[in-house]
Amino acid sequence: MAAPPTATSLRLLALAAVLAVGVAAAAGKRYRVGGAAGWVVPPPEGKEKYYVDWASTIAFHVDDSLEFVYANDSVIRVGKAGYYHCNETAAADAAPRDGSTVFVLDAPGDAYFASADVGHCKMGQRLAVNVLAGGPPLAPSPWSSAPGPWSWVLSPSSSVHHSSAAAPAAPSFAHAVYFFFLVVPVAMALAAPGFV
């Protein structure tokens, strides 16, 4: 028979569960490249604007991901020259097949992708996105117009400037609520003597 868990191990397990929920809540969004059509060779008449138009409707942020869904094709992450000249070679695992590939946008700046089939790339099957630092701005909260002692928690400061340059993101209202109403009380309960 196994020994019963100790109070310390129960506290650590509960804290790990709370932190896992917080990390999952902070994950980015996943976008299916090309929408419902997926990762396809664009029509010849719009080959240069097909993926530009798709990406122009989305503000991509660090931790978002791009899902490329394709049939008898593939995708690779390329450099700027590979994007413009379709001259980067594909890895062996990028052979044409049916399936999907997901890339996490892990740094701010430009990110480039292309079909590993050079002919498809030259026909416009390539994507460039600008990745912004931090998460997307939230809609104003009902409390943001009423300054008070807790206003710094409820809405970002008006001195925070949003740009595509790498800068720390202002804490969101959702993160503040999560921290103060879930993490703090759970941490206090776990630290309390006699918690089991």
C-alpha atoms as a PDB file:
ATOM      1  CA  MET A   1       0.000   0.000   0.000  1.00  0.00           C
ATOM      2  CA  ALA A   2       1.359   3.431  -0.966  1.00  0.00           C
ATOM      3  CA  ALA A   3       2.001   6.036   1.677  1.00  0.00           C
ATOM      4  CA  PRO A   4      -0.570   8.860   1.827  1.00  0.00           C
ATOM      5  CA  PRO A   5       0.536  12.117   0.227  1.00  0.00           C
ATOM      6  CA  THR A   6       2.093  14.659   2.552  1.00  0.00           C
ATOM      7  CA  ALA A   7       0.695  18.150   3.064  1.00  0.00           C
ATOM      8  CA  THR A   8       3.677  19.611   1.202  1.00  0.00           C
ATOM      9  CA  SER A   9       3.160  17.375  -1.833  1.00  0.00           C
ATOM     10  CA  LEU A  10      -0.549  18.273  -1.911  1.00  0.00           C
ATOM     11  CA  ARG A  11       0.313  21.975  -1.743  1.00  0.00           C
ATOM     12  CA  LEU A  12       2.810  21.657  -4.588  1.00  0.00           C
ATOM     13  CA  LEU A  13       0.328  19.702  -6.697  1.00  0.00           C
ATOM     14  CA  ALA A  14      -2.409  22.314  -6.154  1.00  0.00           C
ATOM     15  CA  LEU A  15      -0.024  25.175  -6.953  1.00  0.00           C
ATOM     16  CA  ALA A  16       1.130  23.411 -10.137  1.00  0.00           C
ATOM     17  CA  ALA A  17      -2.502  23.016 -11.236  1.00  0.00           C
ATOM     18  CA  VAL A  18      -3.208  26.718 -10.677  1.00  0.00           C
ATOM     19  CA  LEU A  19      -0.088  27.726 -12.598  1.00  0.00           C
ATOM     20  CA  ALA A  20      -0.950  25.353 -15.468  1.00  0.00           C
ATOM     21  CA  VAL A  21      -4.364  26.990 -15.812  1.00  0.00           C
ATOM     22  CA  GLY A  22      -2.692  30.408 -15.910  1.00  0.00           C
ATOM     23  CA  VAL A  23      -0.194  29.355 -18.563  1.00  0.00           C
ATOM     24  CA  ALA A  24      -2.952  27.825 -20.696  1.00  0.00           C
ATOM     25  CA  ALA A  25      -4.981  31.041 -20.415  1.00  0.00           C
ATOM     26  CA  ALA A  26      -2.013  33.051 -21.690  1.00  0.00           C
ATOM     27  CA  ALA A  27      -1.479  30.923 -24.839  1.00  0.00           C
ATOM     28  CA  GLY A  28      -1.792  32.677 -28.183  1.00  0.00           C
ATOM     29  CA  LYS A  29      -4.362  32.215 -30.913  1.00  0.00           C
ATOM     30  CA  ARG A  30      -4.086  29.701 -33.753  1.00  0.00           C
ATOM     31  CA  TYR A  31      -4.814  30.857 -37.296  1.00  0.00           C
ATOM     32  CA  ARG A  32      -5.497  28.554 -40.230  1.00  0.00           C
ATOM     33  CA  VAL A  33      -3.485  30.033 -43.098  1.00  0.00           C
ATOM     34  CA  GLY A  34      -5.690  30.777 -46.102  1.00  0.00           C
ATOM     35  CA  GLY A  35      -8.900  30.385 -44.107  1.00  0.00           C
ATOM     36  CA  ALA A  36     -11.234  27.569 -45.150  1.00  0.00           C
ATOM     37  CA  ALA A  37      -9.293  26.927 -48.386  1.00  0.00           C
ATOM     38  CA  GLY A  38      -6.105  26.241 -46.450  1.00  0.00           C
ATOM     39  CA  TRP A  39      -2.568  26.306 -47.838  1.00  0.00           C
ATOM     40  CA  VAL A  40      -3.092  26.204 -51.612  1.00  0.00           C
ATOM     41  CA  VAL A  41      -1.504  27.565 -54.766  1.00  0.00           C
ATOM     42  CA  PRO A  42      -3.368  30.856 -55.323  1.00  0.00           C
ATOM     43  CA  PRO A  43      -5.240  31.647 -58.548  1.00  0.00           C
ATOM     44  CA  PRO A  44      -2.873  33.099 -61.197  1.00  0.00           C
ATOM     45  CA  GLU A  45      -4.673  36.442 -61.423  1.00  0.00           C
ATOM     46  CA  GLY A  46      -4.152  37.213 -57.726  1.00  0.00           C
ATOM     47  CA  LYS A  47      -1.045  35.226 -56.903  1.00  0.00           C
ATOM     48  CA  GLU A  48       0.936  38.153 -55.445  1.00  0.00           C
ATOM     49  CA  LYS A  49      -1.902  39.398 -53.198  1.00  0.00           C
ATOM     50  CA  TYR A  50      -3.631  36.166 -52.172  1.00  0.00           C
ATOM     51  CA  TYR A  51      -1.811  35.556 -48.875  1.00  0.00           C
ATOM     52  CA  VAL A  52      -1.047  39.264 -48.370  1.00  0.00           C
ATOM     53  CA  ASP A  53      -4.799  39.946 -48.351  1.00  0.00           C
ATOM     54  CA  TRP A  54      -5.455  37.053 -45.957  1.00  0.00           C
ATOM     55  CA  ALA A  55      -2.770  38.178 -43.474  1.00  0.00           C
ATOM     56  CA  SER A  56      -3.733  41.874 -43.666  1.00  0.00           C
ATOM     57  CA  THR A  57      -6.906  41.231 -41.644  1.00  0.00           C
ATOM     58  CA  ILE A  58      -5.033  39.791 -38.641  1.00  0.00           C
ATOM     59  CA  ALA A  59      -2.706  41.293 -36.029  1.00  0.00           C
ATOM     60  CA  PHE A  60      -0.274  38.468 -35.222  1.00  0.00           C
ATOM     61  CA  HIS A  61       1.376  38.410 -31.786  1.00  0.00           C
ATOM     62  CA  VAL A  62       4.155  36.438 -30.135  1.00  0.00           C
ATOM     63  CA  ASP A  63       2.806  33.017 -29.036  1.00  0.00           C
ATOM     64  CA  ASP A  64       0.158  32.939 -31.785  1.00  0.00           C
ATOM     65  CA  SER A  65       0.507  30.034 -34.185  1.00  0.00           C
ATOM     66  CA  LEU A  66      -0.047  29.459 -37.880  1.00  0.00           C
ATOM     67  CA  GLU A  67      -1.589  26.181 -39.018  1.00  0.00           C
ATOM     68  CA  PHE A  68      -0.908  25.257 -42.629  1.00  0.00           C
ATOM     69  CA  VAL A  69      -3.391  22.628 -43.870  1.00  0.00           C
ATOM     70  CA  TYR A  70      -2.594  21.167 -47.311  1.00  0.00           C
ATOM     71  CA  ALA A  71      -3.026  18.311 -49.782  1.00  0.00           C
ATOM     72  CA  ASN A  72      -0.012  16.975 -51.720  1.00  0.00           C
ATOM     73  CA  ASP A  73       2.098  19.916 -50.572  1.00  0.00           C
ATOM     74  CA  SER A  74       4.258  21.112 -47.689  1.00  0.00           C
ATOM     75  CA  VAL A  75       5.496  24.282 -46.016  1.00  0.00           C
ATOM     76  CA  ILE A  76       8.814  25.474 -44.649  1.00  0.00           C
ATOM     77  CA  ARG A  77       9.902  28.513 -42.694  1.00  0.00           C
ATOM     78  CA  VAL A  78      12.262  30.547 -44.851  1.00  0.00           C
ATOM     79  CA  GLY A  79      14.311  33.721 -44.603  1.00  0.00           C
ATOM     80  CA  LYS A  80      13.494  36.969 -46.364  1.00  0.00           C
ATOM     81  CA  ALA A  81      15.529  36.001 -49.446  1.00  0.00           C
ATOM     82  CA  GLY A  82      13.859  32.588 -49.555  1.00  0.00           C
ATOM     83  CA  TYR A  83      10.477  34.287 -49.495  1.00  0.00           C
ATOM     84  CA  TYR A  84      11.235  36.758 -52.311  1.00  0.00           C
ATOM     85  CA  HIS A  85      13.362  34.476 -54.521  1.00  0.00           C
ATOM     86  CA  CYS A  86      11.849  31.026 -53.739  1.00  0.00           C
ATOM     87  CA  ASN A  87      15.377  29.671 -53.541  1.00  0.00           C
ATOM     88  CA  GLU A  88      15.590  27.851 -50.197  1.00  0.00           C
ATOM     89  CA  THR A  89      15.673  24.091 -50.298  1.00  0.00           C
ATOM     90  CA  ALA A  90      13.277  21.984 -48.313  1.00  0.00           C
ATOM     91  CA  ALA A  91      14.256  19.581 -45.577  1.00  0.00           C
ATOM     92  CA  ALA A  92      13.637  15.898 -46.208  1.00  0.00           C
ATOM     93  CA  ASP A  93      10.597  15.953 -43.901  1.00  0.00           C
ATOM     94  CA  ALA A  94       8.975  18.663 -46.055  1.00  0.00           C
ATOM     95  CA  ALA A  95       8.259  16.271 -48.949  1.00  0.00           C
ATOM     96  CA  PRO A  96       4.800  16.769 -50.499  1.00  0.00           C
ATOM     97  CA  ARG A  97       2.080  15.003 -48.548  1.00  0.00           C
ATOM     98  CA  ASP A  98      -1.398  15.539 -47.147  1.00  0.00           C
ATOM     99  CA  GLY A  99      -1.572  16.970 -43.661  1.00  0.00           C
ATOM    100  CA  SER A 100      -0.838  20.052 -41.639  1.00  0.00           C
ATOM    101  CA  THR A 101       2.064  21.850 -40.031  1.00  0.00           C
ATOM    102  CA  VAL A 102       1.892  24.318 -37.134  1.00  0.00           C
ATOM    103  CA  PHE A 103       4.479  27.034 -36.528  1.00  0.00           C
ATOM    104  CA  VAL A 104       4.502  29.040 -33.272  1.00  0.00           C
ATOM    105  CA  LEU A 105       5.351  32.707 -33.765  1.00  0.00           C
ATOM    106  CA  ASP A 106       7.963  32.885 -31.032  1.00  0.00           C
ATOM    107  CA  ALA A 107       9.597  36.271 -31.639  1.00  0.00           C
ATOM    108  CA  PRO A 108       8.508  39.737 -32.764  1.00  0.00           C
ATOM    109  CA  GLY A 109       9.386  40.840 -36.295  1.00  0.00           C
ATOM    110  CA  ASP A 110       8.864  39.442 -39.756  1.00  0.00           C
ATOM    111  CA  ALA A 111       8.302  35.702 -40.302  1.00  0.00           C
ATOM    112  CA  TYR A 112       8.374  34.098 -43.744  1.00  0.00           C
ATOM    113  CA  PHE A 113       6.913  30.817 -45.010  1.00  0.00           C
ATOM    114  CA  ALA A 114       6.794  29.159 -48.428  1.00  0.00           C
ATOM    115  CA  SER A 115       5.769  25.937 -50.074  1.00  0.00           C
ATOM    116  CA  ALA A 116       8.726  23.581 -50.183  1.00  0.00           C
ATOM    117  CA  ASP A 117       7.774  23.029 -53.831  1.00  0.00           C
ATOM    118  CA  VAL A 118       9.750  25.807 -55.585  1.00  0.00           C
ATOM    119  CA  GLY A 119       7.217  25.892 -58.429  1.00  0.00           C
ATOM    120  CA  HIS A 120       4.350  26.463 -55.970  1.00  0.00           C
ATOM    121  CA  CYS A 121       6.340  29.204 -54.235  1.00  0.00           C
ATOM    122  CA  LYS A 122       6.905  30.965 -57.565  1.00  0.00           C
ATOM    123  CA  MET A 123       3.155  30.732 -58.221  1.00  0.00           C
ATOM    124  CA  GLY A 124       2.511  32.751 -55.032  1.00  0.00           C
ATOM    125  CA  GLN A 125       2.221  30.073 -52.353  1.00  0.00           C
ATOM    126  CA  ARG A 126       4.204  32.007 -49.765  1.00  0.00           C
ATOM    127  CA  LEU A 127       3.350  34.046 -46.700  1.00  0.00           C
ATOM    128  CA  ALA A 128       5.011  36.914 -44.827  1.00  0.00           C
ATOM    129  CA  VAL A 129       3.632  38.110 -41.489  1.00  0.00           C
ATOM    130  CA  ASN A 130       4.689  40.817 -39.057  1.00  0.00           C
ATOM    131  CA  VAL A 131       4.640  39.471 -35.497  1.00  0.00           C
ATOM    132  CA  LEU A 132       3.941  42.004 -32.743  1.00  0.00           C
ATOM    133  CA  ALA A 133       5.295  41.759 -29.202  1.00  0.00           C
ATOM    134  CA  GLY A 134       2.749  41.232 -26.437  1.00  0.00           C
ATOM    135  CA  GLY A 135      -0.881  40.239 -26.661  1.00  0.00           C
ATOM    136  CA  PRO A 136      -3.663  42.024 -28.479  1.00  0.00           C
ATOM    137  CA  PRO A 137      -5.182  45.065 -26.772  1.00  0.00           C
ATOM    138  CA  LEU A 138      -8.370  44.374 -24.873  1.00  0.00           C
ATOM    139  CA  ALA A 139     -11.565  46.350 -25.139  1.00  0.00           C
ATOM    140  CA  PRO A 140     -11.774  49.066 -22.458  1.00  0.00           C
ATOM    141  CA  SER A 141     -13.150  47.793 -19.188  1.00  0.00           C
ATOM    142  CA  PRO A 142     -16.089  49.535 -17.534  1.00  0.00           C
ATOM    143  CA  TRP A 143     -13.706  50.639 -14.770  1.00  0.00           C
ATOM    144  CA  SER A 144     -11.056  52.228 -16.991  1.00  0.00           C
ATOM    145  CA  SER A 145     -12.658  55.677 -16.988  1.00  0.00           C
ATOM    146  CA  ALA A 146     -12.873  55.899 -13.200  1.00  0.00           C
ATOM    147  CA  PRO A 147      -9.381  56.369 -11.764  1.00  0.00           C
ATOM    148  CA  GLY A 148      -8.905  55.038  -8.304  1.00  0.00           C
ATOM    149  CA  PRO A 149      -6.425  53.238  -6.119  1.00  0.00           C
ATOM    150  CA  TRP A 150      -6.798  50.027  -8.158  1.00  0.00           C
ATOM    151  CA  SER A 151      -6.998  51.604 -11.638  1.00  0.00           C
ATOM    152  CA  TRP A 152      -3.447  50.457 -12.452  1.00  0.00           C
ATOM    153  CA  VAL A 153      -4.709  46.879 -12.112  1.00  0.00           C
ATOM    154  CA  LEU A 154      -7.942  47.297 -14.030  1.00  0.00           C
ATOM    155  CA  SER A 155      -6.611  48.989 -17.159  1.00  0.00           C
ATOM    156  CA  PRO A 156      -3.248  49.622 -18.785  1.00  0.00           C
ATOM    157  CA  SER A 157      -1.637  52.984 -18.093  1.00  0.00           C
ATOM    158  CA  SER A 158      -2.216  55.700 -20.681  1.00  0.00           C
ATOM    159  CA  SER A 159       1.557  56.084 -20.920  1.00  0.00           C
ATOM    160  CA  VAL A 160       1.926  52.649 -22.518  1.00  0.00           C
ATOM    161  CA  HIS A 161       2.580  52.983 -26.249  1.00  0.00           C
ATOM    162  CA  HIS A 162       1.765  50.165 -28.619  1.00  0.00           C
ATOM    163  CA  SER A 163       4.129  49.613 -31.519  1.00  0.00           C
ATOM    164  CA  SER A 164       5.588  46.778 -33.523  1.00  0.00           C
ATOM    165  CA  ALA A 165       8.893  47.174 -31.679  1.00  0.00           C
ATOM    166  CA  ALA A 166       9.684  44.644 -28.990  1.00  0.00           C
ATOM    167  CA  ALA A 167       8.334  46.040 -25.739  1.00  0.00           C
ATOM    168  CA  PRO A 168       6.789  44.481 -22.683  1.00  0.00           C
ATOM    169  CA  ALA A 169       3.035  44.104 -22.923  1.00  0.00           C
ATOM    170  CA  ALA A 170       0.801  45.870 -20.417  1.00  0.00           C
ATOM    171  CA  PRO A 171      -0.964  43.447 -18.090  1.00  0.00           C
ATOM    172  CA  SER A 172      -4.499  42.764 -19.220  1.00  0.00           C
ATOM    173  CA  PHE A 173      -7.635  43.014 -17.109  1.00  0.00           C
ATOM    174  CA  ALA A 174      -8.100  39.244 -17.421  1.00  0.00           C
ATOM    175  CA  HIS A 175      -4.585  38.610 -16.083  1.00  0.00           C
ATOM    176  CA  ALA A 176      -5.175  40.962 -13.150  1.00  0.00           C
ATOM    177  CA  VAL A 177      -8.478  39.265 -12.276  1.00  0.00           C
ATOM    178  CA  TYR A 178      -6.874  35.836 -12.583  1.00  0.00           C
ATOM    179  CA  PHE A 179      -3.958  36.806 -10.369  1.00  0.00           C
ATOM    180  CA  PHE A 180      -5.855  38.616  -7.615  1.00  0.00           C
ATOM    181  CA  PHE A 181      -8.943  36.437  -7.388  1.00  0.00           C
ATOM    182  CA  LEU A 182      -7.534  32.984  -8.076  1.00  0.00           C
ATOM    183  CA  VAL A 183      -3.783  32.750  -7.638  1.00  0.00           C
ATOM    184  CA  VAL A 184      -3.437  34.904  -4.512  1.00  0.00           C
ATOM    185  CA  PRO A 185      -6.224  33.205  -2.486  1.00  0.00           C
ATOM    186  CA  VAL A 186      -5.081  29.725  -3.530  1.00  0.00           C
ATOM    187  CA  ALA A 187      -1.460  30.529  -2.695  1.00  0.00           C
ATOM    188  CA  MET A 188      -2.530  31.957   0.675  1.00  0.00           C
ATOM    189  CA  ALA A 189      -4.597  28.852   1.418  1.00  0.00           C
ATOM    190  CA  LEU A 190      -1.729  26.586   0.438  1.00  0.00           C
ATOM    191  CA  ALA A 191       0.642  28.495   2.699  1.00  0.00           C
ATOM    192  CA  ALA A 192      -1.726  28.420   5.652  1.00  0.00           C
ATOM    193  CA  PRO A 193      -0.733  26.122   8.514  1.00  0.00           C
ATOM    194  CA  GLY A 194      -2.819  22.996   8.741  1.00  0.00           C
ATOM    195  CA  PHE A 195      -3.793  22.956   5.050  1.00  0.00           C
ATOM    196  CA  VAL A 196      -4.423  19.378   3.942  1.00  0.00           C
END
